[in-house]
Amino acid sequence: MTARFIYVATESLDGRIEDEQGKLDWAAPDEEVHRFVNDLLRPVGTYLYGRRMYETMRGWETEYGRESDPLWARDFAKLWRAAEKVVFSKTLKEVSTPKTRLERTFDAHAVREMKARAGHDLAMGGHGLAAQAFRAGLIDEIHLLIAPIIVGGGKPALPDDVVLKLELIDQRRFERSSVAYLRYVIR
């Protein structure tokens, strides 16, 4: 099996992963979407994060996924804890979660080798790091969850300076939340 390198993002209808104040609470998935995301990320063995995305996600190590939480949250926490994490940051002093290593710079060649050796898919989220991966031609698939909201500004989900031809290979509409899912492969 060849590992895929996938970019996964929840974005507003105007293409933002966070609003102008850096908030992304509007992107919190309901149970139906969360269960779908769990299944989407089940094949992932390694997550690649920038500092801010890591700081957002590390709550899954201890804060979320407790016995008192819903089954779908416990399922995601289990998946997240089992995966390797690579955090790219020049400012983070140290990482605080198991199975996590800190890299000071994003080296496209090293990431390409990591993918070649991987027995499971790699996933990436966030703006800055993903832009570097897109520019380096590392991304195989783009998975977008489009929230039914316009936030009027903030960080874009996709880089402005990259041109890619895509093929839509899957789509879904979530009835309760009106979230739309789009899955593209890079052509």
Protein backbone atom coordinates (compact mmCIF):
# COMPACT_ATOMS: atom_id res chain seq x y z
CA MET A 1 0.00 0.00 0.00
CA THR A 2 1.28 3.42 -0.89
CA ALA A 3 0.70 5.96 1.85
CA ARG A 4 -1.30 9.04 0.92
CA PHE A 5 -0.48 12.51 2.16
CA ILE A 6 -3.81 14.20 2.78
CA TYR A 7 -4.72 17.75 3.68
CA VAL A 8 -7.84 17.95 5.83
CA ALA A 9 -9.52 21.24 6.69
CA THR A 10 -12.80 22.53 7.97
CA GLU A 11 -13.38 25.85 6.30
CA SER A 12 -16.04 28.51 6.15
CA LEU A 13 -17.98 29.03 2.94
CA ASP A 14 -15.66 31.96 2.22
CA GLY A 15 -12.65 29.65 2.45
CA ARG A 16 -11.28 30.44 5.93
CA ILE A 17 -9.97 28.00 8.55
CA GLU A 18 -10.20 30.63 11.27
CA ASP A 19 -11.76 34.06 11.51
CA GLU A 20 -9.93 37.41 11.82
CA GLN A 21 -9.66 37.00 15.60
CA GLY A 22 -8.06 33.55 15.17
CA LYS A 23 -11.18 31.76 16.38
CA LEU A 24 -12.43 28.54 14.91
CA ASP A 25 -15.21 27.60 17.35
CA TRP A 26 -17.66 27.96 14.46
CA ALA A 27 -15.99 24.90 12.89
CA ALA A 28 -16.72 22.47 15.76
CA PRO A 29 -18.33 19.38 14.21
CA ASP A 30 -21.55 17.85 15.45
CA GLU A 31 -21.74 14.11 16.18
CA GLU A 32 -22.58 13.11 12.60
CA VAL A 33 -19.65 15.03 11.11
CA HIS A 34 -17.29 13.95 13.89
CA ARG A 35 -18.06 10.27 13.29
CA PHE A 36 -17.39 10.81 9.59
CA VAL A 37 -14.08 12.54 10.32
CA ASN A 38 -13.11 9.68 12.64
CA ASP A 39 -13.58 7.22 9.78
CA LEU A 40 -11.80 9.54 7.36
CA LEU A 41 -8.77 9.74 9.65
CA ARG A 42 -8.74 6.09 10.75
CA PRO A 43 -6.02 5.15 8.17
CA VAL A 44 -3.76 8.01 9.33
CA GLY A 45 -0.60 6.93 11.15
CA THR A 46 1.14 10.32 11.30
CA TYR A 47 -0.11 13.88 11.71
CA LEU A 48 2.04 16.83 10.67
CA TYR A 49 1.28 20.10 12.44
CA GLY A 50 2.51 23.61 12.82
CA ARG A 51 2.65 25.04 16.34
CA ARG A 52 -0.85 26.51 16.45
CA MET A 53 -2.57 23.40 15.09
CA TYR A 54 -0.62 21.23 17.52
CA GLU A 55 -1.61 23.46 20.42
CA THR A 56 -5.25 23.13 19.33
CA MET A 57 -5.11 19.35 18.90
CA ARG A 58 -3.06 18.34 21.94
CA GLY A 59 -6.17 18.59 24.11
CA TRP A 60 -7.11 15.19 22.68
CA GLU A 61 -4.31 13.69 24.75
CA THR A 62 -5.84 14.47 28.15
CA GLU A 63 -8.79 16.90 28.04
CA TYR A 64 -11.09 15.24 25.52
CA GLY A 65 -12.03 11.63 25.00
CA ARG A 66 -12.58 10.79 28.66
CA GLU A 67 -14.87 7.97 29.78
CA SER A 68 -17.64 10.51 30.41
CA ASP A 69 -17.40 11.90 26.85
CA PRO A 70 -19.54 10.58 23.98
CA LEU A 71 -18.34 7.45 22.21
CA TRP A 72 -17.43 9.39 19.03
CA ALA A 73 -15.16 11.73 21.03
CA ARG A 74 -13.51 8.77 22.78
CA ASP A 75 -13.01 7.12 19.38
CA PHE A 76 -11.26 10.20 17.97
CA ALA A 77 -9.08 10.56 21.07
CA LYS A 78 -8.01 6.92 20.72
CA LEU A 79 -7.11 7.44 17.05
CA TRP A 80 -5.22 10.66 17.77
CA ARG A 81 -3.28 9.20 20.68
CA ALA A 82 -2.24 6.13 18.66
CA ALA A 83 -0.81 8.20 15.79
CA GLU A 84 2.66 9.68 15.53
CA LYS A 85 2.80 13.47 15.52
CA VAL A 86 5.47 15.71 13.97
CA VAL A 87 5.34 19.36 14.99
CA PHE A 88 7.20 21.93 12.91
CA SER A 89 7.96 25.04 14.94
CA LYS A 90 10.81 27.46 15.49
CA THR A 91 9.19 28.92 18.62
CA LEU A 92 7.78 25.94 20.53
CA LYS A 93 10.17 24.99 23.35
CA GLU A 94 9.03 21.37 23.64
CA VAL A 95 6.14 19.03 22.87
CA SER A 96 3.96 17.72 25.67
CA THR A 97 2.33 14.65 24.16
CA PRO A 98 3.61 11.09 23.64
CA LYS A 99 4.52 9.88 20.15
CA THR A 100 5.39 13.46 19.20
CA ARG A 101 8.60 14.91 17.90
CA LEU A 102 9.57 18.51 17.30
CA GLU A 103 11.25 19.66 14.08
CA ARG A 104 12.53 23.22 13.78
CA THR A 105 12.14 23.51 10.00
CA PHE A 106 9.94 21.99 7.33
CA ASP A 107 12.15 19.92 5.04
CA ALA A 108 10.14 18.79 2.01
CA HIS A 109 12.71 16.13 1.11
CA ALA A 110 12.57 14.61 4.61
CA VAL A 111 8.76 14.63 4.54
CA ARG A 112 8.79 12.96 1.11
CA GLU A 113 11.06 10.24 2.55
CA MET A 114 8.80 9.90 5.60
CA LYS A 115 5.85 9.31 3.27
CA ALA A 116 7.80 6.76 1.20
CA ARG A 117 8.58 4.75 4.36
CA ALA A 118 5.12 5.11 5.91
CA GLY A 119 2.86 2.11 6.31
CA HIS A 120 -0.12 4.41 6.95
CA ASP A 121 -1.40 7.68 5.55
CA LEU A 122 -0.06 11.05 6.66
CA ALA A 123 -2.42 13.94 7.37
CA MET A 124 -1.85 17.64 7.69
CA GLY A 125 -3.99 20.53 8.77
CA GLY A 126 -3.40 24.22 9.31
CA HIS A 127 -2.48 27.09 7.04
CA GLY A 128 1.25 27.87 7.05
CA LEU A 129 2.63 24.36 7.08
CA ALA A 130 0.10 23.16 4.52
CA ALA A 131 1.09 26.00 2.18
CA GLN A 132 4.68 24.73 2.27
CA ALA A 133 3.53 21.17 1.56
CA PHE A 134 1.38 22.33 -1.35
CA ARG A 135 4.28 24.35 -2.81
CA ALA A 136 6.55 21.31 -2.52
CA GLY A 137 4.05 19.08 -4.33
CA LEU A 138 3.64 16.72 -1.38
CA ILE A 139 -0.15 16.66 -1.04
CA ASP A 140 -2.00 13.78 -2.75
CA GLU A 141 -5.55 14.55 -1.64
CA ILE A 142 -7.54 17.47 -0.27
CA HIS A 143 -10.46 16.78 2.09
CA LEU A 144 -12.58 19.85 2.81
CA LEU A 145 -15.47 20.12 5.24
CA ILE A 146 -17.29 23.32 4.38
CA ALA A 147 -19.21 24.85 7.27
CA PRO A 148 -22.36 26.85 6.50
CA ILE A 149 -20.95 30.18 7.67
CA ILE A 150 -19.23 33.20 6.17
CA VAL A 151 -16.66 34.63 8.60
CA GLY A 152 -15.59 37.63 6.52
CA GLY A 153 -11.83 37.21 6.79
CA GLY A 154 -9.06 35.30 8.50
CA LYS A 155 -6.61 32.63 7.43
CA PRO A 156 -7.39 30.96 4.12
CA ALA A 157 -7.72 27.18 3.98
CA LEU A 158 -5.69 26.97 0.78
CA PRO A 159 -2.58 28.93 -0.27
CA ASP A 160 -3.00 31.80 -2.70
CA ASP A 161 0.18 31.15 -4.70
CA VAL A 162 -0.37 27.52 -5.72
CA VAL A 163 -2.12 26.34 -8.87
CA LEU A 164 -3.28 22.71 -8.95
CA LYS A 165 -5.63 20.74 -11.16
CA LEU A 166 -7.98 18.68 -9.03
CA GLU A 167 -10.45 15.87 -9.58
CA LEU A 168 -13.49 15.58 -7.31
CA ILE A 169 -13.75 11.94 -6.26
CA ASP A 170 -16.22 12.12 -3.38
CA GLN A 171 -18.79 14.46 -1.90
CA ARG A 172 -21.38 14.38 0.84
CA ARG A 173 -23.90 16.68 2.50
CA PHE A 174 -24.59 16.35 6.20
CA GLU A 175 -28.30 16.95 6.75
CA ARG A 176 -28.39 18.22 10.35
CA SER A 177 -25.46 20.63 10.16
CA SER A 178 -25.57 21.53 6.43
CA VAL A 179 -21.81 20.86 6.27
CA ALA A 180 -20.59 19.81 2.83
CA TYR A 181 -17.67 17.40 2.34
CA LEU A 182 -15.51 17.47 -0.79
CA ARG A 183 -12.65 15.10 -1.55
CA TYR A 184 -10.20 15.90 -4.33
CA VAL A 185 -7.15 14.16 -5.72
CA ILE A 186 -4.35 16.18 -7.23
CA ARG A 187 -4.14 15.46 -10.96
